[in-house]
Amino acid sequence: MQIVMTGFDIGTAVLLYRLLPLAGLPARRVMLYLWSPLVIVELAHGAHIDGFMVFLVVLSLWASLRFEGRGRLLSPVALALATLTRP
């Protein structure tokens, strides 16, 4: 489970790396996320399910800014799945 949550953390970092230029910010700011002790200890080491939720929320935000037209379905679906991860 730790490996899976670490994979979602890496996926979140990749999405943030692609999201930051869309917001007009330098992509190197993704390091602020990666160096956060909360990400390392709680999400990756603790295998906390919130890592999956954060990935889906960032995916939803990225998809809403990146895609137009037929690709717009990814954003609400990812946000709905993120909502379903919390009881």
Protein backbone atom coordinates (compact mmCIF):
# COMPACT_ATOMS: atom_id res chain seq x y z
CA MET A 1 0.00 0.00 0.00
CA GLN A 2 2.93 2.34 0.68
CA ILE A 3 4.21 1.82 -2.85
CA VAL A 4 0.78 2.55 -4.31
CA MET A 5 0.38 5.77 -2.30
CA THR A 6 3.91 6.81 -3.23
CA GLY A 7 2.94 6.30 -6.86
CA PHE A 8 -0.07 8.58 -6.41
CA ASP A 9 2.20 11.18 -4.78
CA ILE A 10 4.53 11.05 -7.76
CA GLY A 11 1.52 11.33 -10.06
CA THR A 12 0.35 14.39 -8.12
CA ALA A 13 3.79 15.95 -8.51
CA VAL A 14 3.74 15.32 -12.27
CA LEU A 15 0.30 16.90 -12.57
CA LEU A 16 1.41 19.88 -10.48
CA TYR A 17 4.46 20.23 -12.72
CA ARG A 18 2.11 20.48 -15.71
CA LEU A 19 -0.46 22.62 -13.90
CA LEU A 20 1.86 25.38 -12.67
CA PRO A 21 2.76 26.75 -16.15
CA LEU A 22 -0.95 26.85 -17.00
CA ALA A 23 -1.38 29.13 -13.98
CA GLY A 24 1.56 31.30 -15.06
CA LEU A 25 3.89 30.07 -12.32
CA PRO A 26 7.33 28.46 -12.68
CA ALA A 27 7.18 24.67 -12.78
CA ARG A 28 10.05 24.39 -10.30
CA ARG A 29 7.59 25.25 -7.52
CA VAL A 30 6.55 21.62 -7.55
CA MET A 31 9.56 21.06 -5.29
CA LEU A 32 7.67 22.84 -2.50
CA TYR A 33 5.12 20.05 -2.64
CA LEU A 34 7.69 17.27 -2.85
CA TRP A 35 9.76 18.57 0.07
CA SER A 36 6.75 18.82 2.36
CA PRO A 37 7.06 16.50 5.37
CA LEU A 38 3.31 15.93 5.25
CA VAL A 39 3.61 14.34 1.82
CA ILE A 40 6.58 12.19 2.76
CA VAL A 41 5.51 10.99 6.20
CA GLU A 42 1.73 10.93 6.20
CA LEU A 43 0.79 10.11 2.65
CA ALA A 44 3.67 7.96 1.42
CA HIS A 45 5.05 6.33 4.57
CA GLY A 46 1.71 6.07 6.34
CA ALA A 47 -0.04 4.75 3.21
CA HIS A 48 -2.86 7.19 3.85
CA ILE A 49 -5.76 7.09 1.39
CA ASP A 50 -5.75 10.90 1.17
CA GLY A 51 -2.87 10.57 -1.29
CA PHE A 52 -5.35 9.10 -3.77
CA MET A 53 -7.85 11.88 -3.05
CA VAL A 54 -5.24 14.63 -3.55
CA PHE A 55 -4.20 13.04 -6.85
CA LEU A 56 -7.80 13.02 -8.08
CA VAL A 57 -8.45 16.63 -7.04
CA VAL A 58 -5.30 17.85 -8.80
CA LEU A 59 -6.20 15.72 -11.83
CA SER A 60 -9.62 17.36 -11.90
CA LEU A 61 -8.14 20.84 -11.71
CA TRP A 62 -5.54 20.08 -14.38
CA ALA A 63 -8.14 18.55 -16.71
CA SER A 64 -10.48 21.51 -16.33
CA LEU A 65 -7.70 23.92 -17.32
CA ARG A 66 -6.11 21.76 -20.01
CA PHE A 67 -8.94 20.21 -21.98
CA GLU A 68 -11.82 21.79 -23.80
CA GLY A 69 -14.75 20.17 -25.56
CA ARG A 70 -14.91 16.39 -25.42
CA GLY A 71 -12.09 16.06 -22.90
CA ARG A 72 -14.07 18.01 -20.33
CA LEU A 73 -15.62 14.84 -18.88
CA LEU A 74 -12.41 13.88 -17.06
CA SER A 75 -12.61 16.81 -14.64
CA PRO A 76 -16.03 16.12 -13.06
CA VAL A 77 -15.44 12.37 -13.01
CA ALA A 78 -12.11 12.78 -11.18
CA LEU A 79 -13.69 15.20 -8.72
CA ALA A 80 -16.58 12.82 -8.07
CA LEU A 81 -14.16 9.95 -7.44
CA ALA A 82 -12.15 12.15 -5.08
CA THR A 83 -15.33 12.90 -3.16
CA LEU A 84 -16.12 9.19 -2.90
CA THR A 85 -12.77 8.41 -1.25
CA ARG A 86 -13.84 10.08 1.99
CA PRO A 87 -16.51 8.30 4.06
